[in-house]
Each structure stands twice: as structure tokens, then as C-alpha cells.
Amino acid sequence: MALEHFKLGDEVFYTMIAVIVMPDHVHVLLTPRKCYALSRVMKGFKGVAAHKINALRGSVGHVWQDESYDRIVRNDKELRRFFRYMLNNPLKKGLCEYPWTYHGWYCNQAMNPLE
């Protein structure tokens, strides 16, 4: 459900390269649209999803880690490094055996930095 929410904002509020939803955090590679600040995009990105998750669970409170570790990706080498880190995150946590098939993973294939 959170993954679908994040995909809905693609090409509306941001251009998304990839996103991976983990049980308590999310990693995303995106470029905000010119009229949206990154802080606004992330608040909507995580806030709405957290509200929907809490409603589904019948709970209240934090869903995601509090801190946002946003970084500017300066070149293709960094982009590939961050992309690989994201892709391997569920594998390292024991959530899957093959990261490309992890249920919380989405990659805009037209923007895949490994191809």
C-alpha cells in the first residue's frame, strides 16, 4: 500500500528513479519537480503513507524513522552506489533472497542506473 502511494506521486510531485519500502523506513531516489521543495515532497511522501498504514493497522503513532537522511547525488557513480545500497537493503535484513523481487521495491526501468 505504501509503495503504491509513492508511485502515485511520480511525475506529479517528483520524478522517481527507485523506491524501496522497508518495515520501518523507506529509501527513495527522486528529483522533486521545480515547484516543490524536497521537504514538502518528503512530508507528503511519508506523512500520507503513515496515515494510511495506521488506519489499516488500527493504530496511531510513528511508522517511519524520525530522521530523514537526504543526500544530493552528484554524479552517476554516486547514483549507482545509492541504487545498489537500496536494492540490497531487504537482502541484508533477510526479507528476501533476490532483491529485484522484493514486494516493496519499485524501479522506473527507463531510469535504471545499472542499465
C-alpha atoms as a PDB file:
ATOM      1  CA  MET A   1       0.000   0.000   0.000  1.00  0.00           C
ATOM      2  CA  ALA A   2       2.771   2.498   0.857  1.00  0.00           C
ATOM      3  CA  LEU A   3       4.616   1.573  -2.318  1.00  0.00           C
ATOM      4  CA  GLU A   4       1.551   2.323  -4.433  1.00  0.00           C
ATOM      5  CA  HIS A   5       1.148   5.685  -2.687  1.00  0.00           C
ATOM      6  CA  PHE A   6       4.746   6.609  -3.502  1.00  0.00           C
ATOM      7  CA  LYS A   7       4.312   5.583  -7.137  1.00  0.00           C
ATOM      8  CA  LEU A   8       1.231   7.835  -7.448  1.00  0.00           C
ATOM      9  CA  GLY A   9       3.350  10.945  -6.895  1.00  0.00           C
ATOM     10  CA  ASP A  10       5.761  10.048  -9.682  1.00  0.00           C
ATOM     11  CA  GLU A  11       5.651  12.630 -12.487  1.00  0.00           C
ATOM     12  CA  VAL A  12       3.254  14.762 -10.396  1.00  0.00           C
ATOM     13  CA  PHE A  13       5.397  15.945  -7.477  1.00  0.00           C
ATOM     14  CA  TYR A  14       8.724  14.305  -8.396  1.00  0.00           C
ATOM     15  CA  THR A  15      10.456  12.106 -10.914  1.00  0.00           C
ATOM     16  CA  MET A  16      11.239   8.823  -9.218  1.00  0.00           C
ATOM     17  CA  ILE A  17      14.145   6.586 -10.116  1.00  0.00           C
ATOM     18  CA  ALA A  18      13.532   3.956  -7.446  1.00  0.00           C
ATOM     19  CA  VAL A  19      11.904   3.388  -4.073  1.00  0.00           C
ATOM     20  CA  ILE A  20      12.142   0.597  -1.544  1.00  0.00           C
ATOM     21  CA  VAL A  21       9.756   0.355   1.402  1.00  0.00           C
ATOM     22  CA  MET A  22      11.197  -1.417   4.417  1.00  0.00           C
ATOM     23  CA  PRO A  23       9.252  -2.281   7.591  1.00  0.00           C
ATOM     24  CA  ASP A  24      10.346   0.888   9.446  1.00  0.00           C
ATOM     25  CA  HIS A  25      11.887   3.134   6.793  1.00  0.00           C
ATOM     26  CA  VAL A  26      11.930   3.960   3.129  1.00  0.00           C
ATOM     27  CA  HIS A  27      14.709   4.688   0.655  1.00  0.00           C
ATOM     28  CA  VAL A  28      13.964   6.709  -2.435  1.00  0.00           C
ATOM     29  CA  LEU A  29      15.872   8.178  -5.339  1.00  0.00           C
ATOM     30  CA  LEU A  30      13.918  11.069  -6.788  1.00  0.00           C
ATOM     31  CA  THR A  31      14.128  14.541  -8.222  1.00  0.00           C
ATOM     32  CA  PRO A  32      11.461  16.952  -6.953  1.00  0.00           C
ATOM     33  CA  ARG A  33       9.541  18.911  -9.584  1.00  0.00           C
ATOM     34  CA  LYS A  34      10.702  22.530  -9.773  1.00  0.00           C
ATOM     35  CA  CYS A  35       7.652  23.893  -7.949  1.00  0.00           C
ATOM     36  CA  TYR A  36       8.015  21.507  -4.944  1.00  0.00           C
ATOM     37  CA  ALA A  37      10.663  21.684  -2.223  1.00  0.00           C
ATOM     38  CA  LEU A  38      12.221  18.390  -1.146  1.00  0.00           C
ATOM     39  CA  SER A  39      10.926  18.904   2.416  1.00  0.00           C
ATOM     40  CA  ARG A  40       7.351  19.247   1.110  1.00  0.00           C
ATOM     41  CA  VAL A  41       7.714  16.180  -1.098  1.00  0.00           C
ATOM     42  CA  MET A  42       9.054  14.076   1.783  1.00  0.00           C
ATOM     43  CA  LYS A  43       6.383  15.258   4.222  1.00  0.00           C
ATOM     44  CA  GLY A  44       3.670  14.236   1.784  1.00  0.00           C
ATOM     45  CA  PHE A  45       5.566  11.127   0.758  1.00  0.00           C
ATOM     46  CA  LYS A  46       5.911   9.757   4.273  1.00  0.00           C
ATOM     47  CA  GLY A  47       3.054  11.518   6.088  1.00  0.00           C
ATOM     48  CA  VAL A  48       0.197  10.331   3.916  1.00  0.00           C
ATOM     49  CA  ALA A  49       1.587   6.800   3.747  1.00  0.00           C
ATOM     50  CA  ALA A  50       1.970   6.671   7.550  1.00  0.00           C
ATOM     51  CA  HIS A  51      -1.630   7.840   7.991  1.00  0.00           C
ATOM     52  CA  LYS A  52      -2.885   5.110   5.625  1.00  0.00           C
ATOM     53  CA  ILE A  53      -0.759   2.425   7.293  1.00  0.00           C
ATOM     54  CA  ASN A  54      -2.001   3.411  10.762  1.00  0.00           C
ATOM     55  CA  ALA A  55      -5.605   3.373   9.535  1.00  0.00           C
ATOM     56  CA  LEU A  56      -5.094  -0.096   8.075  1.00  0.00           C
ATOM     57  CA  ARG A  57      -3.469  -1.367  11.291  1.00  0.00           C
ATOM     58  CA  GLY A  58      -5.965   0.400  13.556  1.00  0.00           C
ATOM     59  CA  SER A  59      -3.090   2.146  15.299  1.00  0.00           C
ATOM     60  CA  VAL A  60      -1.621   5.605  15.813  1.00  0.00           C
ATOM     61  CA  GLY A  61       1.888   6.978  16.071  1.00  0.00           C
ATOM     62  CA  HIS A  62       5.119   6.828  14.167  1.00  0.00           C
ATOM     63  CA  VAL A  63       5.557   4.424  11.269  1.00  0.00           C
ATOM     64  CA  TRP A  64       8.863   5.661   9.862  1.00  0.00           C
ATOM     65  CA  GLN A  65      12.152   6.550  11.479  1.00  0.00           C
ATOM     66  CA  ASP A  66      12.149  10.208  12.575  1.00  0.00           C
ATOM     67  CA  GLU A  67      15.264  11.373  10.770  1.00  0.00           C
ATOM     68  CA  SER A  68      15.415  11.979   7.060  1.00  0.00           C
ATOM     69  CA  TYR A  69      18.867  11.420   5.613  1.00  0.00           C
ATOM     70  CA  ASP A  70      18.524  13.242   2.332  1.00  0.00           C
ATOM     71  CA  ARG A  71      21.555  13.490   0.106  1.00  0.00           C
ATOM     72  CA  ILE A  72      22.344  15.218  -3.154  1.00  0.00           C
ATOM     73  CA  VAL A  73      23.535  12.721  -5.731  1.00  0.00           C
ATOM     74  CA  ARG A  74      26.283  14.475  -7.646  1.00  0.00           C
ATOM     75  CA  ASN A  75      27.214  12.025 -10.385  1.00  0.00           C
ATOM     76  CA  ASP A  76      26.436   8.664 -11.982  1.00  0.00           C
ATOM     77  CA  LYS A  77      28.898   6.812  -9.745  1.00  0.00           C
ATOM     78  CA  GLU A  78      27.090   8.023  -6.600  1.00  0.00           C
ATOM     79  CA  LEU A  79      23.714   7.260  -8.168  1.00  0.00           C
ATOM     80  CA  ARG A  80      24.732   3.663  -8.857  1.00  0.00           C
ATOM     81  CA  ARG A  81      26.153   3.297  -5.316  1.00  0.00           C
ATOM     82  CA  PHE A  82      22.945   4.543  -3.665  1.00  0.00           C
ATOM     83  CA  PHE A  83      20.832   2.450  -6.029  1.00  0.00           C
ATOM     84  CA  ARG A  84      22.766  -0.737  -5.159  1.00  0.00           C
ATOM     85  CA  TYR A  85      22.534   0.072  -1.442  1.00  0.00           C
ATOM     86  CA  MET A  86      18.759   0.401  -1.717  1.00  0.00           C
ATOM     87  CA  LEU A  87      18.402  -2.728  -3.802  1.00  0.00           C
ATOM     88  CA  ASN A  88      20.407  -4.822  -1.335  1.00  0.00           C
ATOM     89  CA  ASN A  89      18.765  -3.447   1.827  1.00  0.00           C
ATOM     90  CA  PRO A  90      15.996  -6.095   2.097  1.00  0.00           C
ATOM     91  CA  LEU A  91      18.513  -8.836   1.279  1.00  0.00           C
ATOM     92  CA  LYS A  92      20.772  -7.731   4.160  1.00  0.00           C
ATOM     93  CA  LYS A  93      17.749  -7.656   6.501  1.00  0.00           C
ATOM     94  CA  GLY A  94      16.761 -11.211   5.494  1.00  0.00           C
ATOM     95  CA  LEU A  95      13.470 -10.110   3.926  1.00  0.00           C
ATOM     96  CA  CYS A  96      14.078 -11.763   0.564  1.00  0.00           C
ATOM     97  CA  GLU A  97      16.508 -13.939  -1.346  1.00  0.00           C
ATOM     98  CA  TYR A  98      16.539 -11.908  -4.545  1.00  0.00           C
ATOM     99  CA  PRO A  99      16.198  -8.131  -4.133  1.00  0.00           C
ATOM    100  CA  TRP A 100      14.620  -7.402  -7.535  1.00  0.00           C
ATOM    101  CA  THR A 101      11.561  -9.420  -6.453  1.00  0.00           C
ATOM    102  CA  TYR A 102      11.137  -7.810  -3.018  1.00  0.00           C
ATOM    103  CA  HIS A 103       7.479  -6.762  -2.684  1.00  0.00           C
ATOM    104  CA  GLY A 104       8.399  -3.233  -1.524  1.00  0.00           C
ATOM    105  CA  TRP A 105      10.691  -2.441  -4.464  1.00  0.00           C
ATOM    106  CA  TYR A 106       9.928  -0.265  -7.472  1.00  0.00           C
ATOM    107  CA  CYS A 107      12.321   0.923 -10.148  1.00  0.00           C
ATOM    108  CA  ASN A 108      11.437   3.162 -13.065  1.00  0.00           C
ATOM    109  CA  GLN A 109      13.088   0.954 -15.680  1.00  0.00           C
ATOM    110  CA  ALA A 110      13.581   3.893 -18.038  1.00  0.00           C
ATOM    111  CA  MET A 111      15.816   5.466 -15.380  1.00  0.00           C
ATOM    112  CA  ASN A 112      17.591   2.359 -14.029  1.00  0.00           C
ATOM    113  CA  PRO A 113      21.190   3.498 -13.433  1.00  0.00           C
ATOM    114  CA  LEU A 114      22.559  -0.037 -13.769  1.00  0.00           C
ATOM    115  CA  GLU A 115      21.465  -0.397 -17.379  1.00  0.00           C
END
